[in-house]
Amino acid sequence: MAAPPKPKFVCFSFAAYAKTLIAYLKSLDIPILPGLTDREFASIESTFHFTFPPDLRSILQEGLPVGPSFPNWRSSSPQQLQILLNLPFLSLSKNISLREFWCDSWGPKPESNTDAFSLVKQLSQKAPVLVPIYKNCYIPSLPNMAGNPVFYIDSDDVRILSFDVTRFFQEVEFVQVGGVLKAPFPRKKNNVNMPAWAATSARRVEFWTEVAERWRRAGDWWKDGGHLDLEGCLEEVFWRLKSGGWREEEVREMMMMDGGDNAKCGAQWVRTRGGVVWHVRVLSLVLLRAGWSKEDVLYSLDLKDDDKNDKDRVV
């Protein structure tokens, strides 16, 4: 008779989880320096006028990741760190300028970009500081408690990437494609056990949650005056599936590609938004039948699970 499976170890403290996570990052050959000291935390928080949320603070106290695209809170110059802290607003400004992005709660959009930038800058300065974790991934400094969501922000995308920092490190993979570091991709969970206090939904954060929701409603599927950017969308799905462990030929078969060098050929027959929705639903069904969980499919294809909107549901 086979022995019963060993129960999963559950972390009940920040310190225990941080120790497990840092050991896991070391196993990935990510350079880890000694953790930040209380004096270093105080200096950073005083200089940049924010307070690290307690879950991220515990991780950085246990060890400081300094691999490519991780912020080096110890050795980077104040100017370099300030640039990282400014990037979310700069990316948002680019979206306002190039894509006419705007949130209703900001009031009527000024006619000039200069006035629009000035208004949004005032609003963002009152919002929680977004603390960089890795590349374009940020966690809000407020509310100053564990469980704040992780946002992904760049000039092409604004979204909630993970419910909290624990899920970020458990569910997100850092992928290099052709020698170029791509955006973090969701993947099947690693062996780092989820702590008992991990968030089970995304907490609302002043200003930034609305920005992410507005971006999603606007639909990054639709660009350039209402035409579908099919090549970019399908290419994103292609790399998400590939990074999730599928072989290239399997991905191409699922996406009905004809053997081209990238996902562009998948756009030849999808001409409408309805066609794109149908195509993604078929992909989600293929993944579910292959044994993926519903949660994995949602993350991999960047879908939302909203039973009230039939178009957005995973089949």
C-alpha atoms as a PDB file:
ATOM      1  CA  MET A   1       0.000   0.000   0.000  1.00  0.00           C
ATOM      2  CA  ALA A   2       1.408   3.368  -1.012  1.00  0.00           C
ATOM      3  CA  ALA A   3       2.235   5.828   1.700  1.00  0.00           C
ATOM      4  CA  PRO A   4      -0.174   8.763   1.963  1.00  0.00           C
ATOM      5  CA  PRO A   5       1.054  11.993   0.345  1.00  0.00           C
ATOM      6  CA  LYS A   6       2.910  14.333   2.621  1.00  0.00           C
ATOM      7  CA  PRO A   7       0.863  17.350   3.638  1.00  0.00           C
ATOM      8  CA  LYS A   8       1.978  20.695   2.247  1.00  0.00           C
ATOM      9  CA  PHE A   9       3.894  22.908   4.600  1.00  0.00           C
ATOM     10  CA  VAL A  10       2.063  26.159   5.151  1.00  0.00           C
ATOM     11  CA  CYS A  11       3.892  29.336   6.168  1.00  0.00           C
ATOM     12  CA  PHE A  12       2.154  31.292   8.897  1.00  0.00           C
ATOM     13  CA  SER A  13       4.728  34.097   9.212  1.00  0.00           C
ATOM     14  CA  PHE A  14       6.305  36.596   6.859  1.00  0.00           C
ATOM     15  CA  ALA A  15       9.776  35.521   7.982  1.00  0.00           C
ATOM     16  CA  ALA A  16       9.188  31.818   7.264  1.00  0.00           C
ATOM     17  CA  TYR A  17       7.776  32.561   3.834  1.00  0.00           C
ATOM     18  CA  ALA A  18      10.594  34.984   2.991  1.00  0.00           C
ATOM     19  CA  LYS A  19      13.225  32.391   3.906  1.00  0.00           C
ATOM     20  CA  THR A  20      11.555  29.782   1.665  1.00  0.00           C
ATOM     21  CA  LEU A  21      11.204  32.223  -1.227  1.00  0.00           C
ATOM     22  CA  ILE A  22      14.802  33.459  -1.102  1.00  0.00           C
ATOM     23  CA  ALA A  23      16.022  29.854  -1.100  1.00  0.00           C
ATOM     24  CA  TYR A  24      13.865  29.221  -4.171  1.00  0.00           C
ATOM     25  CA  LEU A  25      15.247  32.284  -6.006  1.00  0.00           C
ATOM     26  CA  LYS A  26      18.778  31.127  -5.238  1.00  0.00           C
ATOM     27  CA  SER A  27      17.930  27.763  -6.781  1.00  0.00           C
ATOM     28  CA  LEU A  28      17.147  29.644 -10.011  1.00  0.00           C
ATOM     29  CA  ASP A  29      20.673  31.123  -9.955  1.00  0.00           C
ATOM     30  CA  ILE A  30      19.321  34.596  -9.266  1.00  0.00           C
ATOM     31  CA  PRO A  31      22.044  36.531  -7.408  1.00  0.00           C
ATOM     32  CA  ILE A  32      20.975  37.221  -3.823  1.00  0.00           C
ATOM     33  CA  LEU A  33      22.796  39.651  -1.538  1.00  0.00           C
ATOM     34  CA  PRO A  34      22.348  39.901   2.240  1.00  0.00           C
ATOM     35  CA  GLY A  35      19.000  41.440   3.097  1.00  0.00           C
ATOM     36  CA  LEU A  36      18.449  45.128   3.685  1.00  0.00           C
ATOM     37  CA  THR A  37      19.047  46.358   7.222  1.00  0.00           C
ATOM     38  CA  ASP A  38      16.639  48.481   9.235  1.00  0.00           C
ATOM     39  CA  ARG A  39      18.931  51.455   8.616  1.00  0.00           C
ATOM     40  CA  GLU A  40      18.863  50.862   4.856  1.00  0.00           C
ATOM     41  CA  PHE A  41      15.074  50.572   4.854  1.00  0.00           C
ATOM     42  CA  ALA A  42      14.796  53.815   6.808  1.00  0.00           C
ATOM     43  CA  SER A  43      17.140  55.610   4.401  1.00  0.00           C
ATOM     44  CA  ILE A  44      15.258  54.440   1.295  1.00  0.00           C
ATOM     45  CA  GLU A  45      11.850  55.249   2.742  1.00  0.00           C
ATOM     46  CA  SER A  46      12.998  58.689   3.880  1.00  0.00           C
ATOM     47  CA  THR A  47      14.603  59.529   0.535  1.00  0.00           C
ATOM     48  CA  PHE A  48      11.708  58.438  -1.660  1.00  0.00           C
ATOM     49  CA  HIS A  49       8.798  59.146   0.699  1.00  0.00           C
ATOM     50  CA  PHE A  50       7.125  55.750   0.841  1.00  0.00           C
ATOM     51  CA  THR A  51       7.020  52.758   3.184  1.00  0.00           C
ATOM     52  CA  PHE A  52       7.639  49.212   1.982  1.00  0.00           C
ATOM     53  CA  PRO A  53       4.554  47.004   2.494  1.00  0.00           C
ATOM     54  CA  PRO A  54       5.300  44.374   5.169  1.00  0.00           C
ATOM     55  CA  ASP A  55       5.274  41.321   2.873  1.00  0.00           C
ATOM     56  CA  LEU A  56       7.793  42.813   0.420  1.00  0.00           C
ATOM     57  CA  ARG A  57       9.818  44.189   3.329  1.00  0.00           C
ATOM     58  CA  SER A  58      10.155  40.707   4.851  1.00  0.00           C
ATOM     59  CA  ILE A  59      11.441  39.319   1.553  1.00  0.00           C
ATOM     60  CA  LEU A  60      14.014  42.079   1.080  1.00  0.00           C
ATOM     61  CA  GLN A  61      15.059  41.738   4.714  1.00  0.00           C
ATOM     62  CA  GLU A  62      15.819  38.048   4.168  1.00  0.00           C
ATOM     63  CA  GLY A  63      17.707  38.569   0.904  1.00  0.00           C
ATOM     64  CA  LEU A  64      18.128  41.192  -1.822  1.00  0.00           C
ATOM     65  CA  PRO A  65      17.671  39.859  -5.398  1.00  0.00           C
ATOM     66  CA  VAL A  66      20.007  41.751  -7.718  1.00  0.00           C
ATOM     67  CA  GLY A  67      19.712  39.833 -10.984  1.00  0.00           C
ATOM     68  CA  PRO A  68      18.827  41.572 -14.253  1.00  0.00           C
ATOM     69  CA  SER A  69      15.695  43.745 -13.948  1.00  0.00           C
ATOM     70  CA  PHE A  70      15.510  43.470 -10.138  1.00  0.00           C
ATOM     71  CA  PRO A  71      15.867  46.879  -8.440  1.00  0.00           C
ATOM     72  CA  ASN A  72      19.105  47.088  -6.472  1.00  0.00           C
ATOM     73  CA  TRP A  73      17.974  49.027  -3.431  1.00  0.00           C
ATOM     74  CA  ARG A  74      21.474  48.960  -1.968  1.00  0.00           C
ATOM     75  CA  SER A  75      23.840  49.914  -4.784  1.00  0.00           C
ATOM     76  CA  SER A  76      21.780  51.810  -7.352  1.00  0.00           C
ATOM     77  CA  SER A  77      22.101  55.575  -7.245  1.00  0.00           C
ATOM     78  CA  PRO A  78      19.166  57.668  -5.990  1.00  0.00           C
ATOM     79  CA  GLN A  79      18.730  58.899  -9.563  1.00  0.00           C
ATOM     80  CA  GLN A  80      18.422  55.338 -10.896  1.00  0.00           C
ATOM     81  CA  LEU A  81      15.893  54.380  -8.247  1.00  0.00           C
ATOM     82  CA  GLN A  82      13.900  57.561  -8.850  1.00  0.00           C
ATOM     83  CA  ILE A  83      13.688  56.693 -12.549  1.00  0.00           C
ATOM     84  CA  LEU A  84      12.230  53.282 -11.642  1.00  0.00           C
ATOM     85  CA  LEU A  85       9.690  54.931  -9.363  1.00  0.00           C
ATOM     86  CA  ASN A  86       8.743  57.425 -12.101  1.00  0.00           C
ATOM     87  CA  LEU A  87       8.248  54.830 -14.843  1.00  0.00           C
ATOM     88  CA  PRO A  88       4.573  54.030 -14.066  1.00  0.00           C
ATOM     89  CA  PHE A  89       3.573  57.679 -14.533  1.00  0.00           C
ATOM     90  CA  LEU A  90       5.725  58.022 -17.667  1.00  0.00           C
ATOM     91  CA  SER A  91       4.101  54.908 -19.154  1.00  0.00           C
ATOM     92  CA  LEU A  92       0.659  56.221 -18.246  1.00  0.00           C
ATOM     93  CA  SER A  93       1.505  59.570 -19.880  1.00  0.00           C
ATOM     94  CA  LYS A  94       2.469  57.804 -23.095  1.00  0.00           C
ATOM     95  CA  ASN A  95      -0.852  55.973 -23.123  1.00  0.00           C
ATOM     96  CA  ILE A  96      -2.699  59.247 -22.606  1.00  0.00           C
ATOM     97  CA  SER A  97      -0.800  60.869 -25.475  1.00  0.00           C
ATOM     98  CA  LEU A  98      -0.784  58.053 -28.036  1.00  0.00           C
ATOM     99  CA  ARG A  99      -3.944  56.091 -27.199  1.00  0.00           C
ATOM    100  CA  GLU A 100      -6.270  58.762 -25.847  1.00  0.00           C
ATOM    101  CA  PHE A 101      -6.402  56.838 -22.553  1.00  0.00           C
ATOM    102  CA  TRP A 102      -8.518  58.509 -19.865  1.00  0.00           C
ATOM    103  CA  CYS A 103     -10.491  57.570 -16.732  1.00  0.00           C
ATOM    104  CA  ASP A 104     -13.951  59.019 -16.189  1.00  0.00           C
ATOM    105  CA  SER A 105     -13.235  59.895 -12.555  1.00  0.00           C
ATOM    106  CA  TRP A 106     -10.481  62.273 -13.675  1.00  0.00           C
ATOM    107  CA  GLY A 107     -13.109  64.608 -15.106  1.00  0.00           C
ATOM    108  CA  PRO A 108     -13.262  66.020 -18.642  1.00  0.00           C
ATOM    109  CA  LYS A 109     -10.038  65.477 -20.540  1.00  0.00           C
ATOM    110  CA  PRO A 110      -8.182  68.758 -21.252  1.00  0.00           C
ATOM    111  CA  GLU A 111      -7.703  69.578 -24.916  1.00  0.00           C
ATOM    112  CA  SER A 112      -3.915  69.821 -24.681  1.00  0.00           C
ATOM    113  CA  ASN A 113      -1.691  66.930 -23.668  1.00  0.00           C
ATOM    114  CA  THR A 114       0.297  69.270 -21.436  1.00  0.00           C
ATOM    115  CA  ASP A 115      -2.786  70.092 -19.365  1.00  0.00           C
ATOM    116  CA  ALA A 116      -3.841  66.437 -19.337  1.00  0.00           C
ATOM    117  CA  PHE A 117      -0.407  65.341 -18.083  1.00  0.00           C
ATOM    118  CA  SER A 118      -0.474  68.032 -15.404  1.00  0.00           C
ATOM    119  CA  LEU A 119      -3.878  66.910 -14.118  1.00  0.00           C
ATOM    120  CA  VAL A 120      -2.969  63.214 -14.063  1.00  0.00           C
ATOM    121  CA  LYS A 121       0.353  63.993 -12.388  1.00  0.00           C
ATOM    122  CA  GLN A 122      -1.489  65.779  -9.575  1.00  0.00           C
ATOM    123  CA  LEU A 123      -3.804  62.799  -9.140  1.00  0.00           C
ATOM    124  CA  SER A 124      -0.983  60.247  -9.270  1.00  0.00           C
ATOM    125  CA  GLN A 125       1.023  62.171  -6.673  1.00  0.00           C
ATOM    126  CA  LYS A 126      -1.846  61.639  -4.231  1.00  0.00           C
ATOM    127  CA  ALA A 127      -1.999  57.932  -5.080  1.00  0.00           C
ATOM    128  CA  PRO A 128       0.081  55.213  -3.381  1.00  0.00           C
ATOM    129  CA  VAL A 129       3.661  55.004  -4.623  1.00  0.00           C
ATOM    130  CA  LEU A 130       4.215  51.947  -6.810  1.00  0.00           C
ATOM    131  CA  VAL A 131       7.291  50.113  -5.519  1.00  0.00           C
ATOM    132  CA  PRO A 132       9.242  48.216  -8.217  1.00  0.00           C
ATOM    133  CA  ILE A 133       9.622  44.473  -7.674  1.00  0.00           C
ATOM    134  CA  TYR A 134      10.923  43.257 -11.015  1.00  0.00           C
ATOM    135  CA  LYS A 135      11.080  44.962 -14.405  1.00  0.00           C
ATOM    136  CA  ASN A 136       7.639  46.552 -14.996  1.00  0.00           C
ATOM    137  CA  CYS A 137       6.011  44.873 -11.973  1.00  0.00           C
ATOM    138  CA  TYR A 138       5.055  47.072  -9.022  1.00  0.00           C
ATOM    139  CA  ILE A 139       3.340  46.752  -5.661  1.00  0.00           C
ATOM    140  CA  PRO A 140       1.512  49.703  -4.032  1.00  0.00           C
ATOM    141  CA  SER A 141       3.025  51.082  -0.855  1.00  0.00           C
ATOM    142  CA  LEU A 142      -0.462  51.781   0.541  1.00  0.00           C
ATOM    143  CA  PRO A 143      -2.399  50.506   2.313  1.00  0.00           C
ATOM    144  CA  ASN A 144       0.676  49.578   4.331  1.00  0.00           C
ATOM    145  CA  MET A 145      -0.326  45.978   4.947  1.00  0.00           C
ATOM    146  CA  ALA A 146       0.333  42.576   3.427  1.00  0.00           C
ATOM    147  CA  GLY A 147      -1.735  41.541   0.437  1.00  0.00           C
ATOM    148  CA  ASN A 148      -1.554  44.461  -1.985  1.00  0.00           C
ATOM    149  CA  PRO A 149      -1.881  43.413  -5.643  1.00  0.00           C
ATOM    150  CA  VAL A 150       1.020  43.460  -8.088  1.00  0.00           C
ATOM    151  CA  PHE A 151       0.530  45.684 -11.136  1.00  0.00           C
ATOM    152  CA  TYR A 152       2.210  45.327 -14.516  1.00  0.00           C
ATOM    153  CA  ILE A 153       2.667  48.722 -16.197  1.00  0.00           C
ATOM    154  CA  ASP A 154       4.425  49.676 -19.402  1.00  0.00           C
ATOM    155  CA  SER A 155       3.683  51.798 -22.465  1.00  0.00           C
ATOM    156  CA  ASP A 156       1.477  49.049 -23.943  1.00  0.00           C
ATOM    157  CA  ASP A 157      -0.254  47.509 -20.946  1.00  0.00           C
ATOM    158  CA  VAL A 158      -1.686  48.294 -17.512  1.00  0.00           C
ATOM    159  CA  ARG A 159      -3.090  45.374 -15.536  1.00  0.00           C
ATOM    160  CA  ILE A 160      -3.247  43.575 -12.220  1.00  0.00           C
ATOM    161  CA  LEU A 161      -0.743  40.757 -12.636  1.00  0.00           C
ATOM    162  CA  SER A 162      -1.185  38.955  -9.283  1.00  0.00           C
ATOM    163  CA  PHE A 163      -3.390  39.218  -6.220  1.00  0.00           C
ATOM    164  CA  ASP A 164      -0.338  39.843  -4.025  1.00  0.00           C
ATOM    165  CA  VAL A 165       3.440  39.487  -3.936  1.00  0.00           C
ATOM    166  CA  THR A 166       3.292  35.856  -2.757  1.00  0.00           C
ATOM    167  CA  ARG A 167       1.226  34.824  -5.771  1.00  0.00           C
ATOM    168  CA  PHE A 168       3.487  36.901  -8.005  1.00  0.00           C
ATOM    169  CA  PHE A 169       6.552  34.882  -7.046  1.00  0.00           C
ATOM    170  CA  GLN A 170       4.629  31.601  -7.129  1.00  0.00           C
ATOM    171  CA  GLU A 171       2.813  32.042 -10.421  1.00  0.00           C
ATOM    172  CA  VAL A 172       5.021  34.263 -12.559  1.00  0.00           C
ATOM    173  CA  GLU A 173       7.895  33.152 -14.733  1.00  0.00           C
ATOM    174  CA  PHE A 174      10.590  35.393 -16.179  1.00  0.00           C
ATOM    175  CA  VAL A 175      11.137  34.394 -19.794  1.00  0.00           C
ATOM    176  CA  GLN A 176      13.864  35.294 -22.276  1.00  0.00           C
ATOM    177  CA  VAL A 177      12.880  35.068 -25.931  1.00  0.00           C
ATOM    178  CA  GLY A 178      15.652  35.436 -28.506  1.00  0.00           C
ATOM    179  CA  GLY A 179      17.963  36.918 -25.899  1.00  0.00           C
ATOM    180  CA  VAL A 180      15.457  39.644 -25.060  1.00  0.00           C
ATOM    181  CA  LEU A 181      13.748  39.683 -21.673  1.00  0.00           C
ATOM    182  CA  LYS A 182      10.017  39.574 -22.278  1.00  0.00           C
ATOM    183  CA  ALA A 183       7.299  40.616 -19.859  1.00  0.00           C
ATOM    184  CA  PRO A 184       6.756  38.161 -16.988  1.00  0.00           C
ATOM    185  CA  PHE A 185       4.482  35.311 -18.034  1.00  0.00           C
ATOM    186  CA  PRO A 186       2.061  33.428 -15.806  1.00  0.00           C
ATOM    187  CA  ARG A 187       2.921  29.750 -15.522  1.00  0.00           C
ATOM    188  CA  LYS A 188       1.931  26.717 -13.534  1.00  0.00           C
ATOM    189  CA  LYS A 189       2.720  27.146  -9.886  1.00  0.00           C
ATOM    190  CA  ASN A 190       6.176  26.380  -8.530  1.00  0.00           C
ATOM    191  CA  ASN A 191       7.017  24.469  -5.374  1.00  0.00           C
ATOM    192  CA  VAL A 192       6.946  27.479  -3.058  1.00  0.00           C
ATOM    193  CA  ASN A 193       4.011  26.833  -0.741  1.00  0.00           C
ATOM    194  CA  MET A 194       1.369  29.517  -0.498  1.00  0.00           C
ATOM    195  CA  PRO A 195       1.387  31.159   2.945  1.00  0.00           C
ATOM    196  CA  ALA A 196      -1.796  31.088   4.986  1.00  0.00           C
ATOM    197  CA  TRP A 197      -2.158  34.855   4.697  1.00  0.00           C
ATOM    198  CA  ALA A 198      -1.922  35.001   0.868  1.00  0.00           C
ATOM    199  CA  ALA A 199      -4.576  37.134  -0.818  1.00  0.00           C
ATOM    200  CA  THR A 200      -7.446  35.361  -2.576  1.00  0.00           C
ATOM    201  CA  SER A 201      -8.616  38.404  -4.535  1.00  0.00           C
ATOM    202  CA  ALA A 202      -7.142  41.701  -5.680  1.00  0.00           C
ATOM    203  CA  ARG A 203      -7.499  44.452  -3.102  1.00  0.00           C
ATOM    204  CA  ARG A 204      -8.627  47.784  -4.539  1.00  0.00           C
ATOM    205  CA  VAL A 205      -5.914  50.423  -4.556  1.00  0.00           C
ATOM    206  CA  GLU A 206      -6.627  54.112  -4.927  1.00  0.00           C
ATOM    207  CA  PHE A 207      -6.091  55.403  -8.489  1.00  0.00           C
ATOM    208  CA  TRP A 208      -4.202  52.385  -9.844  1.00  0.00           C
ATOM    209  CA  THR A 209      -7.028  49.821  -9.707  1.00  0.00           C
ATOM    210  CA  GLU A 210      -9.257  52.137 -11.720  1.00  0.00           C
ATOM    211  CA  VAL A 211      -6.472  52.673 -14.269  1.00  0.00           C
ATOM    212  CA  ALA A 212      -6.111  48.903 -14.722  1.00  0.00           C
ATOM    213  CA  GLU A 213      -9.882  48.404 -14.998  1.00  0.00           C
ATOM    214  CA  ARG A 214     -10.248  51.239 -17.502  1.00  0.00           C
ATOM    215  CA  TRP A 215      -7.441  49.801 -19.623  1.00  0.00           C
ATOM    216  CA  ARG A 216      -9.158  46.435 -19.666  1.00  0.00           C
ATOM    217  CA  ARG A 217     -12.524  47.917 -20.622  1.00  0.00           C
ATOM    218  CA  ALA A 218     -10.891  49.936 -23.374  1.00  0.00           C
ATOM    219  CA  GLY A 219      -9.576  46.642 -24.681  1.00  0.00           C
ATOM    220  CA  ASP A 220      -6.016  46.267 -25.836  1.00  0.00           C
ATOM    221  CA  TRP A 221      -7.531  44.055 -28.531  1.00  0.00           C
ATOM    222  CA  TRP A 222      -8.764  47.223 -30.265  1.00  0.00           C
ATOM    223  CA  LYS A 223      -6.318  49.815 -31.500  1.00  0.00           C
ATOM    224  CA  ASP A 224      -5.860  52.410 -34.236  1.00  0.00           C
ATOM    225  CA  GLY A 225      -9.419  53.673 -34.317  1.00  0.00           C
ATOM    226  CA  GLY A 226     -11.179  50.379 -33.712  1.00  0.00           C
ATOM    227  CA  HIS A 227      -9.184  47.924 -35.835  1.00  0.00           C
ATOM    228  CA  LEU A 228      -7.988  44.724 -34.237  1.00  0.00           C
ATOM    229  CA  ASP A 229      -4.237  44.469 -33.670  1.00  0.00           C
ATOM    230  CA  LEU A 230      -4.497  40.748 -34.316  1.00  0.00           C
ATOM    231  CA  GLU A 231      -0.822  40.121 -34.923  1.00  0.00           C
ATOM    232  CA  GLY A 232       0.210  41.526 -31.560  1.00  0.00           C
ATOM    233  CA  CYS A 233      -2.593  39.798 -29.663  1.00  0.00           C
ATOM    234  CA  LEU A 234      -2.013  36.373 -31.193  1.00  0.00           C
ATOM    235  CA  GLU A 235       1.735  36.695 -30.826  1.00  0.00           C
ATOM    236  CA  GLU A 236       1.234  37.411 -27.102  1.00  0.00           C
ATOM    237  CA  VAL A 237      -0.937  34.283 -26.765  1.00  0.00           C
ATOM    238  CA  PHE A 238       1.678  32.309 -28.715  1.00  0.00           C
ATOM    239  CA  TRP A 239       4.502  33.234 -26.314  1.00  0.00           C
ATOM    240  CA  ARG A 240       2.295  32.734 -23.241  1.00  0.00           C
ATOM    241  CA  LEU A 241       1.494  29.181 -24.281  1.00  0.00           C
ATOM    242  CA  LYS A 242       5.073  28.438 -25.279  1.00  0.00           C
ATOM    243  CA  SER A 243       6.407  29.735 -21.972  1.00  0.00           C
ATOM    244  CA  GLY A 244       3.831  27.595 -20.154  1.00  0.00           C
ATOM    245  CA  GLY A 245       5.550  24.440 -21.370  1.00  0.00           C
ATOM    246  CA  TRP A 246       3.824  23.692 -24.685  1.00  0.00           C
ATOM    247  CA  ARG A 247       6.031  22.722 -27.633  1.00  0.00           C
ATOM    248  CA  GLU A 248       6.047  25.123 -30.568  1.00  0.00           C
ATOM    249  CA  GLU A 249       4.339  22.647 -32.906  1.00  0.00           C
ATOM    250  CA  GLU A 250       1.591  22.095 -30.310  1.00  0.00           C
ATOM    251  CA  VAL A 251       1.008  25.830 -29.989  1.00  0.00           C
ATOM    252  CA  ARG A 252       0.862  26.272 -33.751  1.00  0.00           C
ATOM    253  CA  GLU A 253      -1.627  23.415 -34.057  1.00  0.00           C
ATOM    254  CA  MET A 254      -3.849  24.897 -31.348  1.00  0.00           C
ATOM    255  CA  MET A 255      -3.712  28.328 -32.991  1.00  0.00           C
ATOM    256  CA  MET A 256      -4.255  26.845 -36.456  1.00  0.00           C
ATOM    257  CA  MET A 257      -1.018  28.311 -37.808  1.00  0.00           C
ATOM    258  CA  ASP A 258       0.514  27.300 -41.115  1.00  0.00           C
ATOM    259  CA  GLY A 259       4.164  27.038 -40.080  1.00  0.00           C
ATOM    260  CA  GLY A 260       5.230  30.663 -40.334  1.00  0.00           C
ATOM    261  CA  ASP A 261       7.985  32.108 -38.209  1.00  0.00           C
ATOM    262  CA  ASN A 262       5.620  33.738 -35.716  1.00  0.00           C
ATOM    263  CA  ALA A 263       1.987  34.162 -34.765  1.00  0.00           C
ATOM    264  CA  LYS A 264       1.223  36.617 -37.578  1.00  0.00           C
ATOM    265  CA  CYS A 265      -0.206  33.955 -39.844  1.00  0.00           C
ATOM    266  CA  GLY A 266      -2.868  33.248 -37.201  1.00  0.00           C
ATOM    267  CA  ALA A 267      -4.378  36.626 -38.027  1.00  0.00           C
ATOM    268  CA  GLN A 268      -5.164  35.728 -41.630  1.00  0.00           C
ATOM    269  CA  TRP A 269      -8.625  34.339 -40.909  1.00  0.00           C
ATOM    270  CA  VAL A 270      -9.666  36.197 -37.756  1.00  0.00           C
ATOM    271  CA  ARG A 271     -11.209  39.456 -38.923  1.00  0.00           C
ATOM    272  CA  THR A 272     -13.663  40.552 -36.255  1.00  0.00           C
ATOM    273  CA  ARG A 273     -13.789  40.970 -32.504  1.00  0.00           C
ATOM    274  CA  GLY A 274     -16.274  38.096 -32.384  1.00  0.00           C
ATOM    275  CA  GLY A 275     -13.788  35.940 -34.241  1.00  0.00           C
ATOM    276  CA  VAL A 276     -11.065  36.772 -31.741  1.00  0.00           C
ATOM    277  CA  VAL A 277     -13.353  35.954 -28.806  1.00  0.00           C
ATOM    278  CA  TRP A 278     -14.289  32.628 -30.410  1.00  0.00           C
ATOM    279  CA  HIS A 279     -10.627  31.837 -31.133  1.00  0.00           C
ATOM    280  CA  VAL A 280      -9.573  32.481 -27.533  1.00  0.00           C
ATOM    281  CA  ARG A 281     -12.493  30.425 -26.195  1.00  0.00           C
ATOM    282  CA  VAL A 282     -11.362  27.505 -28.347  1.00  0.00           C
ATOM    283  CA  LEU A 283      -7.822  27.855 -26.983  1.00  0.00           C
ATOM    284  CA  SER A 284      -9.124  27.936 -23.418  1.00  0.00           C
ATOM    285  CA  LEU A 285     -11.151  24.775 -24.036  1.00  0.00           C
ATOM    286  CA  VAL A 286      -8.088  23.007 -25.456  1.00  0.00           C
ATOM    287  CA  LEU A 287      -6.074  23.923 -22.352  1.00  0.00           C
ATOM    288  CA  LEU A 288      -8.822  22.796 -19.964  1.00  0.00           C
ATOM    289  CA  ARG A 289      -9.117  19.445 -21.732  1.00  0.00           C
ATOM    290  CA  ALA A 290      -5.329  19.096 -21.544  1.00  0.00           C
ATOM    291  CA  GLY A 291      -5.507  19.222 -17.750  1.00  0.00           C
ATOM    292  CA  TRP A 292      -4.913  22.903 -17.020  1.00  0.00           C
ATOM    293  CA  SER A 293      -6.934  24.355 -14.177  1.00  0.00           C
ATOM    294  CA  LYS A 294      -9.386  27.156 -14.854  1.00  0.00           C
ATOM    295  CA  GLU A 295      -7.148  29.545 -12.905  1.00  0.00           C
ATOM    296  CA  ASP A 296      -4.114  28.622 -15.026  1.00  0.00           C
ATOM    297  CA  VAL A 297      -6.068  29.269 -18.224  1.00  0.00           C
ATOM    298  CA  LEU A 298      -7.282  32.638 -16.968  1.00  0.00           C
ATOM    299  CA  TYR A 299      -3.737  33.726 -16.163  1.00  0.00           C
ATOM    300  CA  SER A 300      -2.139  32.263 -19.287  1.00  0.00           C
ATOM    301  CA  LEU A 301      -4.531  33.941 -21.719  1.00  0.00           C
ATOM    302  CA  ASP A 302      -5.028  37.066 -19.552  1.00  0.00           C
ATOM    303  CA  LEU A 303      -8.767  36.523 -19.305  1.00  0.00           C
ATOM    304  CA  LYS A 304     -11.160  37.539 -16.578  1.00  0.00           C
ATOM    305  CA  ASP A 305     -13.625  35.207 -14.913  1.00  0.00           C
ATOM    306  CA  ASP A 306     -16.865  37.157 -14.963  1.00  0.00           C
ATOM    307  CA  ASP A 307     -19.954  34.968 -15.119  1.00  0.00           C
ATOM    308  CA  LYS A 308     -22.046  38.050 -15.813  1.00  0.00           C
ATOM    309  CA  ASN A 309     -20.325  38.598 -19.145  1.00  0.00           C
ATOM    310  CA  ASP A 310     -20.648  35.524 -21.326  1.00  0.00           C
ATOM    311  CA  LYS A 311     -18.042  36.747 -23.814  1.00  0.00           C
ATOM    312  CA  ASP A 312     -15.318  36.896 -21.260  1.00  0.00           C
ATOM    313  CA  ARG A 313     -15.839  33.533 -19.599  1.00  0.00           C
ATOM    314  CA  VAL A 314     -13.599  30.549 -19.908  1.00  0.00           C
ATOM    315  CA  VAL A 315     -15.621  27.811 -21.576  1.00  0.00           C
END
